[in-house]
Amino acid sequence: MRKKLDYDYCSASPILEWLGDKWALVVLLKLHENEVIRFNELYKTIPSISEKMLSTVLRSLVTDGLVNRKIYPTVPPKVEYYVSEFGETLIPYLEQLKQWGQENFETIMENRRKISIEIYCKVQVYIYI
């Protein structure tokens, strides 16, 4: 189980947890793009997430108040998800972060390639010594 950040020490802990979660911000942005969406529809829009992980992330976002979950009393139950009013206040910052990532994607990938080559070369030298 992942250790929670110290909320008393740092009031930014919740946002750091969301940033550290591989899927939370992706799910939040997908919900924002689709406005109101059912679980299976959302699941289809995120190619590599598992159903269990999506369920866990949605539960966490609902708990934190960023996402609303509406259950309709039908058989079978119909459940819809959408970004809450509180969650909408976070969206402009996520959009800026997304834009920065898109603008700097090539630089980031090039830096990763350089580091990978350096590490590979060091390993090869070590093997031959």
C-alpha atoms as a PDB file:
ATOM      1  CA  MET A   1       0.000   0.000   0.000  1.00  0.00           C
ATOM      2  CA  ARG A   2       1.274   3.427  -0.917  1.00  0.00           C
ATOM      3  CA  LYS A   3       2.182   5.713   1.973  1.00  0.00           C
ATOM      4  CA  LYS A   4       0.065   8.865   2.198  1.00  0.00           C
ATOM      5  CA  LEU A   5       1.770  12.223   2.334  1.00  0.00           C
ATOM      6  CA  ASP A   6       1.796  14.195   5.581  1.00  0.00           C
ATOM      7  CA  TYR A   7      -1.166  16.588   5.342  1.00  0.00           C
ATOM      8  CA  ASP A   8      -0.151  18.481   8.487  1.00  0.00           C
ATOM      9  CA  TYR A   9       3.299  19.160   7.072  1.00  0.00           C
ATOM     10  CA  CYS A  10       2.261  20.130   3.540  1.00  0.00           C
ATOM     11  CA  SER A  11      -1.161  21.417   2.541  1.00  0.00           C
ATOM     12  CA  ALA A  12      -0.309  20.699  -1.109  1.00  0.00           C
ATOM     13  CA  SER A  13      -0.227  16.956  -0.358  1.00  0.00           C
ATOM     14  CA  PRO A  14      -3.501  16.121  -2.151  1.00  0.00           C
ATOM     15  CA  ILE A  15      -2.357  17.669  -5.440  1.00  0.00           C
ATOM     16  CA  LEU A  16       1.013  15.946  -5.105  1.00  0.00           C
ATOM     17  CA  GLU A  17      -0.826  12.639  -4.711  1.00  0.00           C
ATOM     18  CA  TRP A  18      -2.880  13.315  -7.852  1.00  0.00           C
ATOM     19  CA  LEU A  19       0.250  14.279  -9.788  1.00  0.00           C
ATOM     20  CA  GLY A  20       1.983  11.147  -8.557  1.00  0.00           C
ATOM     21  CA  ASP A  21      -0.888   8.919  -9.610  1.00  0.00           C
ATOM     22  CA  LYS A  22      -0.366   7.619 -13.141  1.00  0.00           C
ATOM     23  CA  TRP A  23      -4.073   7.771 -14.027  1.00  0.00           C
ATOM     24  CA  ALA A  24      -5.857  10.376 -11.869  1.00  0.00           C
ATOM     25  CA  LEU A  25      -5.152  13.395 -14.065  1.00  0.00           C
ATOM     26  CA  VAL A  26      -5.787  11.451 -17.283  1.00  0.00           C
ATOM     27  CA  VAL A  27      -9.187  10.328 -15.984  1.00  0.00           C
ATOM     28  CA  LEU A  28     -10.032  13.839 -14.807  1.00  0.00           C
ATOM     29  CA  LEU A  29      -9.176  15.349 -18.207  1.00  0.00           C
ATOM     30  CA  LYS A  30     -11.130  12.633 -20.060  1.00  0.00           C
ATOM     31  CA  LEU A  31     -14.148  13.302 -17.864  1.00  0.00           C
ATOM     32  CA  HIS A  32     -13.826  17.011 -18.579  1.00  0.00           C
ATOM     33  CA  GLU A  33     -13.652  16.388 -22.348  1.00  0.00           C
ATOM     34  CA  ASN A  34     -16.760  14.179 -22.278  1.00  0.00           C
ATOM     35  CA  GLU A  35     -18.752  16.198 -19.714  1.00  0.00           C
ATOM     36  CA  VAL A  36     -20.996  13.303 -18.546  1.00  0.00           C
ATOM     37  CA  ILE A  37     -19.973   9.725 -19.232  1.00  0.00           C
ATOM     38  CA  ARG A  38     -20.681   6.194 -18.083  1.00  0.00           C
ATOM     39  CA  PHE A  39     -17.974   3.882 -16.776  1.00  0.00           C
ATOM     40  CA  ASN A  40     -17.667   1.664 -19.866  1.00  0.00           C
ATOM     41  CA  GLU A  41     -17.631   4.638 -22.225  1.00  0.00           C
ATOM     42  CA  LEU A  42     -14.865   6.244 -20.161  1.00  0.00           C
ATOM     43  CA  TYR A  43     -12.984   2.936 -20.034  1.00  0.00           C
ATOM     44  CA  LYS A  44     -12.970   2.783 -23.846  1.00  0.00           C
ATOM     45  CA  THR A  45     -11.424   6.262 -24.121  1.00  0.00           C
ATOM     46  CA  ILE A  46      -8.332   5.323 -22.074  1.00  0.00           C
ATOM     47  CA  PRO A  47      -6.616   2.479 -23.954  1.00  0.00           C
ATOM     48  CA  SER A  48      -4.192   1.033 -21.410  1.00  0.00           C
ATOM     49  CA  ILE A  49      -6.049   1.376 -18.095  1.00  0.00           C
ATOM     50  CA  SER A  50      -7.596  -1.690 -16.466  1.00  0.00           C
ATOM     51  CA  GLU A  51     -11.197  -1.701 -15.266  1.00  0.00           C
ATOM     52  CA  LYS A  52     -10.009  -2.207 -11.681  1.00  0.00           C
ATOM     53  CA  MET A  53      -7.623   0.757 -11.879  1.00  0.00           C
ATOM     54  CA  LEU A  54     -10.285   2.984 -13.449  1.00  0.00           C
ATOM     55  CA  SER A  55     -12.701   2.021 -10.698  1.00  0.00           C
ATOM     56  CA  THR A  56     -10.076   2.777  -8.020  1.00  0.00           C
ATOM     57  CA  VAL A  57      -9.169   6.148  -9.556  1.00  0.00           C
ATOM     58  CA  LEU A  58     -12.817   7.180  -9.940  1.00  0.00           C
ATOM     59  CA  ARG A  59     -13.505   6.247  -6.318  1.00  0.00           C
ATOM     60  CA  SER A  60     -10.545   8.362  -5.197  1.00  0.00           C
ATOM     61  CA  LEU A  61     -11.585  11.359  -7.308  1.00  0.00           C
ATOM     62  CA  VAL A  62     -15.167  11.106  -6.020  1.00  0.00           C
ATOM     63  CA  THR A  63     -13.881  10.891  -2.423  1.00  0.00           C
ATOM     64  CA  ASP A  64     -11.785  14.037  -2.931  1.00  0.00           C
ATOM     65  CA  GLY A  65     -14.771  15.867  -4.432  1.00  0.00           C
ATOM     66  CA  LEU A  66     -13.255  16.367  -7.896  1.00  0.00           C
ATOM     67  CA  VAL A  67     -15.758  14.080  -9.607  1.00  0.00           C
ATOM     68  CA  ASN A  68     -19.463  13.518  -9.066  1.00  0.00           C
ATOM     69  CA  ARG A  69     -21.124  10.124  -9.429  1.00  0.00           C
ATOM     70  CA  LYS A  70     -24.809   9.993 -10.275  1.00  0.00           C
ATOM     71  CA  ILE A  71     -26.706   6.722  -9.843  1.00  0.00           C
ATOM     72  CA  TYR A  72     -30.052   6.234 -11.580  1.00  0.00           C
ATOM     73  CA  PRO A  73     -32.553   3.839  -9.950  1.00  0.00           C
ATOM     74  CA  THR A  74     -32.898   1.532 -12.941  1.00  0.00           C
ATOM     75  CA  VAL A  75     -32.269  -2.141 -13.575  1.00  0.00           C
ATOM     76  CA  PRO A  76     -29.459  -2.563 -14.365  1.00  0.00           C
ATOM     77  CA  PRO A  77     -28.199   0.483 -12.468  1.00  0.00           C
ATOM     78  CA  LYS A  78     -27.060   3.379 -14.613  1.00  0.00           C
ATOM     79  CA  VAL A  79     -24.108   5.340 -13.218  1.00  0.00           C
ATOM     80  CA  GLU A  80     -22.674   8.509 -14.731  1.00  0.00           C
ATOM     81  CA  TYR A  81     -19.529  10.427 -13.833  1.00  0.00           C
ATOM     82  CA  TYR A  82     -18.703  14.075 -14.393  1.00  0.00           C
ATOM     83  CA  VAL A  83     -16.244  16.662 -13.120  1.00  0.00           C
ATOM     84  CA  SER A  84     -17.655  18.490 -10.102  1.00  0.00           C
ATOM     85  CA  GLU A  85     -17.758  22.259  -9.788  1.00  0.00           C
ATOM     86  CA  PHE A  86     -14.762  21.968  -7.452  1.00  0.00           C
ATOM     87  CA  GLY A  87     -12.942  19.745  -9.960  1.00  0.00           C
ATOM     88  CA  GLU A  88     -13.544  22.290 -12.720  1.00  0.00           C
ATOM     89  CA  THR A  89     -11.395  24.776 -10.778  1.00  0.00           C
ATOM     90  CA  LEU A  90      -8.425  22.424 -11.287  1.00  0.00           C
ATOM     91  CA  ILE A  91      -8.952  21.917 -15.046  1.00  0.00           C
ATOM     92  CA  PRO A  92      -7.241  25.145 -16.273  1.00  0.00           C
ATOM     93  CA  TYR A  93      -4.048  24.140 -14.442  1.00  0.00           C
ATOM     94  CA  LEU A  94      -4.189  20.617 -15.852  1.00  0.00           C
ATOM     95  CA  GLU A  95      -4.695  22.027 -19.347  1.00  0.00           C
ATOM     96  CA  GLN A  96      -1.586  24.203 -18.894  1.00  0.00           C
ATOM     97  CA  LEU A  97       0.396  21.200 -17.653  1.00  0.00           C
ATOM     98  CA  LYS A  98      -0.837  19.148 -20.621  1.00  0.00           C
ATOM     99  CA  GLN A  99       0.116  21.932 -23.038  1.00  0.00           C
ATOM    100  CA  TRP A 100       3.595  22.205 -21.507  1.00  0.00           C
ATOM    101  CA  GLY A 101       4.034  18.449 -21.910  1.00  0.00           C
ATOM    102  CA  GLN A 102       2.952  18.573 -25.549  1.00  0.00           C
ATOM    103  CA  GLU A 103       5.238  21.525 -26.319  1.00  0.00           C
ATOM    104  CA  ASN A 104       8.231  19.844 -24.672  1.00  0.00           C
ATOM    105  CA  PHE A 105       7.578  16.230 -25.649  1.00  0.00           C
ATOM    106  CA  GLU A 106      10.440  15.980 -28.151  1.00  0.00           C
ATOM    107  CA  THR A 107      12.942  17.527 -25.733  1.00  0.00           C
ATOM    108  CA  ILE A 108      11.904  15.136 -22.964  1.00  0.00           C
ATOM    109  CA  MET A 109      12.168  12.110 -25.273  1.00  0.00           C
ATOM    110  CA  GLU A 110      15.573  13.236 -26.570  1.00  0.00           C
ATOM    111  CA  ASN A 111      16.833  13.683 -22.990  1.00  0.00           C
ATOM    112  CA  ARG A 112      15.630  10.178 -22.136  1.00  0.00           C
ATOM    113  CA  ARG A 113      17.391   8.741 -25.191  1.00  0.00           C
ATOM    114  CA  LYS A 114      20.652  10.482 -24.206  1.00  0.00           C
ATOM    115  CA  ILE A 115      20.506   9.120 -20.678  1.00  0.00           C
ATOM    116  CA  SER A 116      19.671   5.611 -21.921  1.00  0.00           C
ATOM    117  CA  ILE A 117      22.682   5.688 -24.263  1.00  0.00           C
ATOM    118  CA  GLU A 118      24.963   6.968 -21.488  1.00  0.00           C
ATOM    119  CA  ILE A 119      23.810   4.237 -19.115  1.00  0.00           C
ATOM    120  CA  TYR A 120      24.224   1.569 -21.802  1.00  0.00           C
ATOM    121  CA  CYS A 121      27.734   2.775 -22.610  1.00  0.00           C
ATOM    122  CA  LYS A 122      28.741   2.783 -18.933  1.00  0.00           C
ATOM    123  CA  VAL A 123      27.410  -0.747 -18.507  1.00  0.00           C
ATOM    124  CA  GLN A 124      29.358  -1.924 -21.571  1.00  0.00           C
ATOM    125  CA  VAL A 125      32.585  -0.359 -20.267  1.00  0.00           C
ATOM    126  CA  TYR A 126      32.035  -1.977 -16.881  1.00  0.00           C
ATOM    127  CA  ILE A 127      31.506  -5.398 -18.488  1.00  0.00           C
ATOM    128  CA  TYR A 128      34.737  -5.157 -20.461  1.00  0.00           C
ATOM    129  CA  ILE A 129      36.871  -4.012 -17.528  1.00  0.00           C
END
